[in-house]
Amino acid sequence: MPAMMRIRAIALTASAIALAVQPSLAYADWPPGGQTQFPSGPSGNASSGQISATAAGIRYDTSKNGSGPAVGGLSPTTTWTPPACWYAPTYTPQQFQQESEAIWSEPSVGYQWVNQQRDRYVNGHPYTNFNLDKAGHGYWWTAIPNPDRLTDPNAFSCTEQPFWVDNGQSPPPIQNVISPQVLAELAYAKVLVPNRAIDMNPAGIQTVNLNTWAWLDKATFKPVSVTASLPALNISATTTATPVALHIDPGTQDANVYPASGDCPINADGSIGTPYTSSDGNNVPPCGLTYLRATTSSGPYQLRATITWRIRWTGTGNAGGTLPDGTFGTTTPVSVQEVQTVVR
């Protein structure tokens, strides 16, 4: 099947190892607190039974996200990644019929697969005539590949066949069925945080054995958030990233870092470290480093400052929780000189 058709038809393609969908099962984890039904069915034009593309799609509110020319995305501290695909309400019965028959008529589609699909959705095993008699009372749910990850093979890993869900009922308990938590995980991928080097004193070229103070201003590093919502189901989730620590890697073993772990915790006021003042002299900083050897012709040291951001989310139905911490680092080339003392 051609690549473009694959994207179009993924929701209709059965996997050889697909699990059987049990439409009668309640989605027990949605939402926390004992409620076993979604708040309402998909929104749309009730008279025509059409579900709009904007209503079926996920919306993102980034008004409280990191902004400006110097921002970047977070890297989870574990191997976790946001969903590459998910299941959501996609078609009315009429739309599903039109889309299915259009795909079935493609010359490159095998007749055996078409017959299997027709038996499932038309001939009553288990659905009859695309559920046209249920128009206005529910929607066909299909696999949705993450549009930001279409080059990732995992975007096509949601291989459950399309299934029907009545309005007001819970979808079957399939992994990655759209929910507040899935929305929170998708919002995670949209979070942007400030991308700037730490403040240092002395700035610029460093001197061997001279303590360097490092800090981050609280006004620059503050919580950011993204809200993902699915109007079709009246559900949403807000994912918030809060800076909690700075890790300093001097780029060489010939250096001391403060604290010794290199991890500078966040202060009570939201700042990290302490700005240098002239009265500090060469005192040991609460957050900083000391280079012990000058750089050579091989080039400057690569000082890396990595901010850890704690991730929490809240969503519809009093849902909420945590997601893996995220990190974002910047690298700054640092040249270190050695001051020669002349004795006469």
Protein backbone atom coordinates (compact mmCIF):
# COMPACT_ATOMS: atom_id res chain seq x y z
CA MET A 1 0.00 0.00 0.00
CA PRO A 2 1.48 3.41 -0.96
CA ALA A 3 2.72 5.60 1.90
CA MET A 4 0.06 8.30 1.51
CA MET A 5 -2.70 5.71 1.42
CA ARG A 6 -1.16 4.09 4.49
CA ILE A 7 -1.60 7.30 6.46
CA ARG A 8 -5.17 7.59 5.20
CA ALA A 9 -6.06 3.96 5.78
CA ILE A 10 -4.21 3.17 9.00
CA ALA A 11 -7.43 3.33 10.96
CA LEU A 12 -8.91 0.65 8.68
CA THR A 13 -5.94 -1.73 8.55
CA ALA A 14 -6.06 -4.79 10.82
CA SER A 15 -2.90 -6.12 12.43
CA ALA A 16 -2.24 -9.84 12.42
CA ILE A 17 -1.57 -9.62 16.15
CA ALA A 18 -4.39 -7.21 16.98
CA LEU A 19 -6.35 -7.86 20.15
CA ALA A 20 -10.09 -8.36 19.95
CA VAL A 21 -12.01 -5.24 20.94
CA GLN A 22 -14.78 -5.76 23.49
CA PRO A 23 -17.17 -2.79 23.02
CA SER A 24 -19.20 -3.74 26.09
CA LEU A 25 -16.30 -3.22 28.51
CA ALA A 26 -16.21 0.03 30.47
CA TYR A 27 -13.05 2.08 30.38
CA ALA A 28 -12.45 1.61 34.08
CA ASP A 29 -9.61 4.11 34.37
CA TRP A 30 -11.63 6.98 32.90
CA PRO A 31 -11.77 9.20 34.79
CA PRO A 32 -10.45 8.66 38.33
CA GLY A 33 -13.08 8.89 41.03
CA GLY A 34 -15.48 6.22 39.88
CA GLN A 35 -17.10 7.86 36.86
CA THR A 36 -17.21 5.29 34.06
CA GLN A 37 -18.64 7.41 31.25
CA PHE A 38 -17.31 10.28 29.20
CA PRO A 39 -19.05 13.61 29.93
CA SER A 40 -20.80 13.68 26.54
CA GLY A 41 -20.56 12.52 22.97
CA PRO A 42 -18.63 14.33 20.27
CA SER A 43 -19.80 17.81 19.45
CA GLY A 44 -20.93 18.76 15.97
CA ASN A 45 -23.97 19.57 13.89
CA ALA A 46 -26.69 17.44 15.39
CA SER A 47 -29.07 17.89 12.46
CA SER A 48 -26.59 16.67 9.85
CA GLY A 49 -24.76 14.24 12.09
CA GLN A 50 -21.43 15.62 10.91
CA ILE A 51 -18.44 15.86 13.20
CA SER A 52 -16.20 18.78 12.28
CA ALA A 53 -12.46 18.34 11.81
CA THR A 54 -11.75 20.96 14.48
CA ALA A 55 -14.09 19.30 16.96
CA ALA A 56 -12.53 15.89 16.37
CA GLY A 57 -8.97 17.19 16.59
CA ILE A 58 -6.83 18.06 19.59
CA ARG A 59 -6.33 21.73 20.38
CA TYR A 60 -3.34 23.19 22.20
CA ASP A 61 -3.34 26.35 24.31
CA THR A 62 0.26 27.58 24.45
CA SER A 63 -0.45 31.04 25.89
CA LYS A 64 1.42 30.09 29.09
CA ASN A 65 4.23 28.29 27.35
CA GLY A 66 7.83 29.47 27.12
CA SER A 67 8.10 32.08 24.38
CA GLY A 68 10.60 34.19 22.52
CA PRO A 69 13.47 33.34 20.17
CA ALA A 70 15.44 31.39 22.80
CA VAL A 71 13.26 28.44 23.80
CA GLY A 72 13.54 24.69 23.34
CA GLY A 73 11.77 21.41 24.02
CA LEU A 74 12.33 19.15 27.01
CA SER A 75 14.03 15.75 26.99
CA PRO A 76 12.46 13.24 29.45
CA THR A 77 14.89 11.91 32.04
CA THR A 78 13.73 8.35 31.29
CA THR A 79 13.09 6.39 28.10
CA TRP A 80 9.45 7.50 28.20
CA THR A 81 8.09 9.36 25.17
CA PRO A 82 4.67 10.95 24.49
CA PRO A 83 2.22 8.79 22.51
CA ALA A 84 3.07 8.29 18.85
CA CYS A 85 -0.58 7.48 18.12
CA TRP A 86 -3.91 7.26 19.89
CA TYR A 87 -7.57 6.36 19.39
CA ALA A 88 -10.28 9.03 19.20
CA PRO A 89 -13.75 9.65 17.71
CA THR A 90 -13.26 10.28 14.01
CA TYR A 91 -16.29 9.48 11.82
CA THR A 92 -20.06 9.58 11.77
CA PRO A 93 -21.58 6.41 10.27
CA GLN A 94 -22.03 8.13 6.89
CA GLN A 95 -18.47 9.48 6.89
CA PHE A 96 -17.09 6.09 7.85
CA GLN A 97 -19.02 4.44 5.04
CA GLN A 98 -17.75 6.96 2.50
CA GLU A 99 -14.14 6.71 3.66
CA SER A 100 -14.18 2.90 3.85
CA GLU A 101 -15.72 2.41 0.41
CA ALA A 102 -13.27 4.89 -1.11
CA ILE A 103 -10.32 2.93 0.32
CA TRP A 104 -11.81 -0.44 -0.61
CA SER A 105 -12.08 0.72 -4.24
CA GLU A 106 -8.36 1.50 -4.50
CA PRO A 107 -6.70 -0.81 -7.07
CA SER A 108 -3.77 -1.55 -4.75
CA VAL A 109 -5.98 -2.90 -1.94
CA GLY A 110 -6.30 -6.68 -1.83
CA TYR A 111 -9.76 -8.19 -2.26
CA GLN A 112 -9.30 -10.61 0.65
CA TRP A 113 -8.69 -7.74 3.07
CA VAL A 114 -11.64 -5.83 1.60
CA ASN A 115 -13.91 -8.83 2.12
CA GLN A 116 -12.78 -9.12 5.74
CA GLN A 117 -13.49 -5.44 6.31
CA ARG A 118 -16.88 -5.66 4.62
CA ASP A 119 -17.79 -8.64 6.77
CA ARG A 120 -16.84 -6.71 9.91
CA TYR A 121 -18.53 -3.40 9.18
CA VAL A 122 -21.37 -4.27 6.78
CA ASN A 123 -22.38 -7.90 7.16
CA GLY A 124 -22.99 -7.97 10.90
CA HIS A 125 -19.79 -9.49 12.28
CA PRO A 126 -20.12 -7.57 14.53
CA TYR A 127 -21.41 -4.37 12.83
CA THR A 128 -24.21 -3.98 10.33
CA ASN A 129 -24.24 -1.44 7.48
CA PHE A 130 -21.65 0.85 9.15
CA ASN A 131 -24.12 1.47 12.00
CA LEU A 132 -26.03 3.91 9.80
CA ASP A 133 -29.11 3.26 11.94
CA LYS A 134 -27.19 4.78 14.89
CA ALA A 135 -26.45 8.09 13.19
CA GLY A 136 -26.46 10.85 15.81
CA HIS A 137 -26.05 8.37 18.67
CA GLY A 138 -22.33 7.68 18.54
CA TYR A 139 -19.15 7.74 16.49
CA TRP A 140 -16.57 5.49 14.96
CA TRP A 141 -13.25 5.69 16.79
CA THR A 142 -10.04 5.12 14.85
CA ALA A 143 -6.27 5.18 15.29
CA ILE A 144 -4.75 8.65 14.89
CA PRO A 145 -1.02 8.86 14.06
CA ASN A 146 0.74 11.73 15.82
CA PRO A 147 1.10 14.39 13.07
CA ASP A 148 4.42 15.46 14.62
CA ARG A 149 5.86 11.95 14.27
CA LEU A 150 4.74 10.66 10.88
CA THR A 151 8.32 9.63 10.04
CA ASP A 152 8.42 7.49 13.20
CA PRO A 153 7.30 3.87 12.58
CA ASN A 154 5.67 3.94 16.02
CA ALA A 155 3.13 6.44 14.66
CA PHE A 156 1.53 3.42 12.98
CA SER A 157 1.66 1.12 15.99
CA CYS A 158 -1.99 1.68 17.00
CA THR A 159 -3.37 -1.23 15.01
CA GLU A 160 -6.76 -1.86 16.61
CA GLN A 161 -9.52 -1.83 14.01
CA PRO A 162 -12.07 1.01 14.15
CA PHE A 163 -14.68 0.49 16.84
CA TRP A 164 -18.02 2.07 17.67
CA VAL A 165 -18.77 3.99 20.89
CA ASP A 166 -22.26 5.23 21.79
CA ASN A 167 -22.55 8.82 23.00
CA GLY A 168 -22.07 8.99 26.76
CA GLN A 169 -20.43 5.57 26.94
CA SER A 170 -16.81 4.70 27.67
CA PRO A 171 -14.52 3.37 24.97
CA PRO A 172 -12.97 -0.08 25.45
CA PRO A 173 -9.86 -0.31 27.64
CA ILE A 174 -7.32 -0.10 24.83
CA GLN A 175 -3.88 1.40 25.40
CA ASN A 176 -3.70 5.00 24.17
CA VAL A 177 -7.45 5.51 23.97
CA ILE A 178 -7.74 9.28 24.27
CA SER A 179 -8.14 10.44 27.88
CA PRO A 180 -7.00 13.34 30.05
CA GLN A 181 -3.73 11.53 30.74
CA VAL A 182 -3.04 10.96 27.04
CA LEU A 183 -3.79 14.64 26.43
CA ALA A 184 -1.34 15.54 29.22
CA GLU A 185 1.32 13.38 27.61
CA LEU A 186 0.75 15.03 24.23
CA ALA A 187 0.94 18.47 25.85
CA TYR A 188 4.32 17.45 27.33
CA ALA A 189 5.76 17.34 23.82
CA LYS A 190 4.64 20.95 23.21
CA VAL A 191 6.23 22.44 26.35
CA LEU A 192 9.00 24.95 25.60
CA VAL A 193 11.45 26.28 28.18
CA PRO A 194 13.98 29.15 28.15
CA ASN A 195 17.17 28.38 26.27
CA ARG A 196 19.90 30.59 27.61
CA ALA A 197 23.28 30.27 29.27
CA ILE A 198 23.67 30.64 33.02
CA ASP A 199 24.89 33.94 34.45
CA MET A 200 28.50 33.74 35.60
CA ASN A 201 30.96 35.96 37.39
CA PRO A 202 33.65 36.33 36.23
CA ALA A 203 32.09 36.28 32.76
CA GLY A 204 34.04 35.52 29.61
CA ILE A 205 37.58 34.16 29.94
CA GLN A 206 38.10 32.32 33.23
CA THR A 207 41.23 32.19 35.40
CA VAL A 208 42.82 29.11 36.94
CA ASN A 209 41.95 28.71 40.66
CA LEU A 210 39.56 31.68 40.61
CA ASN A 211 36.10 30.71 41.85
CA THR A 212 33.30 31.32 39.34
CA TRP A 213 29.80 32.04 40.64
CA ALA A 214 26.82 30.73 38.66
CA TRP A 215 23.14 31.59 38.98
CA LEU A 216 19.80 31.81 37.18
CA ASP A 217 17.34 34.63 37.66
CA LYS A 218 13.88 33.71 38.97
CA ALA A 219 12.19 35.99 36.42
CA THR A 220 13.62 33.96 33.54
CA PHE A 221 13.12 30.48 34.91
CA LYS A 222 9.52 30.17 36.02
CA PRO A 223 6.81 27.53 35.49
CA VAL A 224 5.42 27.11 31.97
CA SER A 225 2.41 25.09 30.85
CA VAL A 226 0.50 23.79 27.84
CA THR A 227 -3.15 22.74 27.79
CA ALA A 228 -4.38 20.05 25.38
CA SER A 229 -8.12 19.63 24.85
CA LEU A 230 -10.42 17.48 22.77
CA PRO A 231 -13.64 19.45 22.18
CA ALA A 232 -15.28 16.35 20.77
CA LEU A 233 -15.35 14.83 24.26
CA ASN A 234 -15.14 17.96 26.42
CA ILE A 235 -11.93 16.74 28.06
CA SER A 236 -8.66 18.55 28.63
CA ALA A 237 -5.39 18.40 30.54
CA THR A 238 -2.76 20.96 31.49
CA THR A 239 0.87 19.94 31.73
CA THR A 240 3.08 22.23 33.81
CA ALA A 241 6.88 22.26 33.93
CA THR A 242 8.56 23.85 36.97
CA PRO A 243 12.35 24.35 37.22
CA VAL A 244 13.78 22.53 40.22
CA ALA A 245 17.56 22.24 39.79
CA LEU A 246 20.63 23.20 37.79
CA HIS A 247 23.40 20.73 37.02
CA ILE A 248 26.83 22.06 36.06
CA ASP A 249 29.28 20.02 34.00
CA PRO A 250 32.53 22.00 33.56
CA GLY A 251 33.55 20.02 30.50
CA THR A 252 36.79 18.76 32.07
CA GLN A 253 37.94 16.73 35.07
CA ASP A 254 40.37 19.53 35.92
CA ALA A 255 37.76 21.52 37.80
CA ASN A 256 35.88 21.68 41.08
CA VAL A 257 32.13 22.21 41.14
CA TYR A 258 29.95 23.57 43.95
CA PRO A 259 28.11 21.74 45.35
CA ALA A 260 30.41 18.76 44.75
CA SER A 261 27.58 16.91 42.95
CA GLY A 262 27.26 19.77 40.48
CA ASP A 263 23.54 19.96 41.34
CA CYS A 264 22.43 23.44 42.42
CA PRO A 265 18.93 23.30 43.97
CA ILE A 266 16.31 25.94 43.38
CA ASN A 267 15.99 28.62 46.06
CA ALA A 268 12.77 29.44 47.90
CA ASP A 269 12.18 32.48 45.67
CA GLY A 270 12.51 30.46 42.47
CA SER A 271 16.06 31.49 41.63
CA ILE A 272 19.05 29.16 41.40
CA GLY A 273 22.43 30.06 42.89
CA THR A 274 23.43 33.51 44.13
CA PRO A 275 24.67 36.49 42.08
CA TYR A 276 28.25 37.49 42.83
CA THR A 277 28.98 40.71 44.70
CA SER A 278 32.33 42.40 45.22
CA SER A 279 32.23 41.56 48.95
CA ASP A 280 32.30 37.86 48.09
CA GLY A 281 35.93 38.04 46.96
CA ASN A 282 37.17 34.55 46.14
CA ASN A 283 34.80 32.82 48.55
CA VAL A 284 33.38 29.45 47.55
CA PRO A 285 30.06 30.04 45.76
CA PRO A 286 26.88 28.12 46.68
CA CYS A 287 26.58 27.30 42.98
CA GLY A 288 29.57 27.50 40.70
CA LEU A 289 32.93 26.03 39.75
CA THR A 290 36.69 26.52 39.71
CA TYR A 291 38.89 25.54 36.79
CA LEU A 292 42.22 24.03 37.86
CA ARG A 293 43.99 23.97 34.52
CA ALA A 294 44.15 26.41 31.62
CA THR A 295 42.78 25.52 28.22
CA THR A 296 45.23 24.68 25.47
CA SER A 297 45.43 24.95 21.72
CA SER A 298 43.00 22.04 21.50
CA GLY A 299 40.20 24.48 22.26
CA PRO A 300 37.98 25.75 25.09
CA TYR A 301 36.19 23.62 27.66
CA GLN A 302 32.53 22.91 26.89
CA LEU A 303 30.64 24.05 29.98
CA ARG A 304 27.17 22.49 30.03
CA ALA A 305 24.39 23.79 32.25
CA THR A 306 21.32 21.53 32.42
CA ILE A 307 18.04 22.57 34.02
CA THR A 308 15.75 19.89 35.42
CA TRP A 309 12.02 20.64 35.14
CA ARG A 310 9.44 18.80 37.27
CA ILE A 311 6.35 17.80 35.27
CA ARG A 312 2.85 17.66 36.74
CA TRP A 313 -0.55 17.59 35.09
CA THR A 314 -4.21 18.16 35.94
CA GLY A 315 -7.22 17.25 33.86
CA THR A 316 -10.95 16.75 33.50
CA GLY A 317 -12.70 14.75 36.19
CA ASN A 318 -10.17 15.63 38.91
CA ALA A 319 -7.57 13.62 37.04
CA GLY A 320 -3.92 14.45 37.53
CA GLY A 321 -0.49 13.16 38.32
CA THR A 322 3.14 13.38 37.36
CA LEU A 323 5.13 12.62 34.24
CA PRO A 324 8.88 12.03 33.96
CA ASP A 325 11.01 15.06 34.74
CA GLY A 326 12.37 16.87 31.71
CA THR A 327 15.77 18.43 31.12
CA PHE A 328 17.11 21.11 28.85
CA GLY A 329 20.79 21.97 28.57
CA THR A 330 22.93 24.66 27.00
CA THR A 331 26.63 24.41 26.19
CA THR A 332 29.00 27.37 26.45
CA PRO A 333 32.64 27.31 25.26
CA VAL A 334 34.90 28.53 28.10
CA SER A 335 38.53 29.55 27.74
CA VAL A 336 40.65 29.44 30.91
CA GLN A 337 43.86 31.36 31.36
CA GLU A 338 46.66 30.97 33.90
CA VAL A 339 47.90 34.18 35.50
CA GLN A 340 51.69 34.20 35.77
CA THR A 341 53.26 35.79 38.81
CA VAL A 342 56.64 37.41 38.27
CA VAL A 343 59.01 37.35 41.32
CA ARG A 344 61.88 39.85 41.40
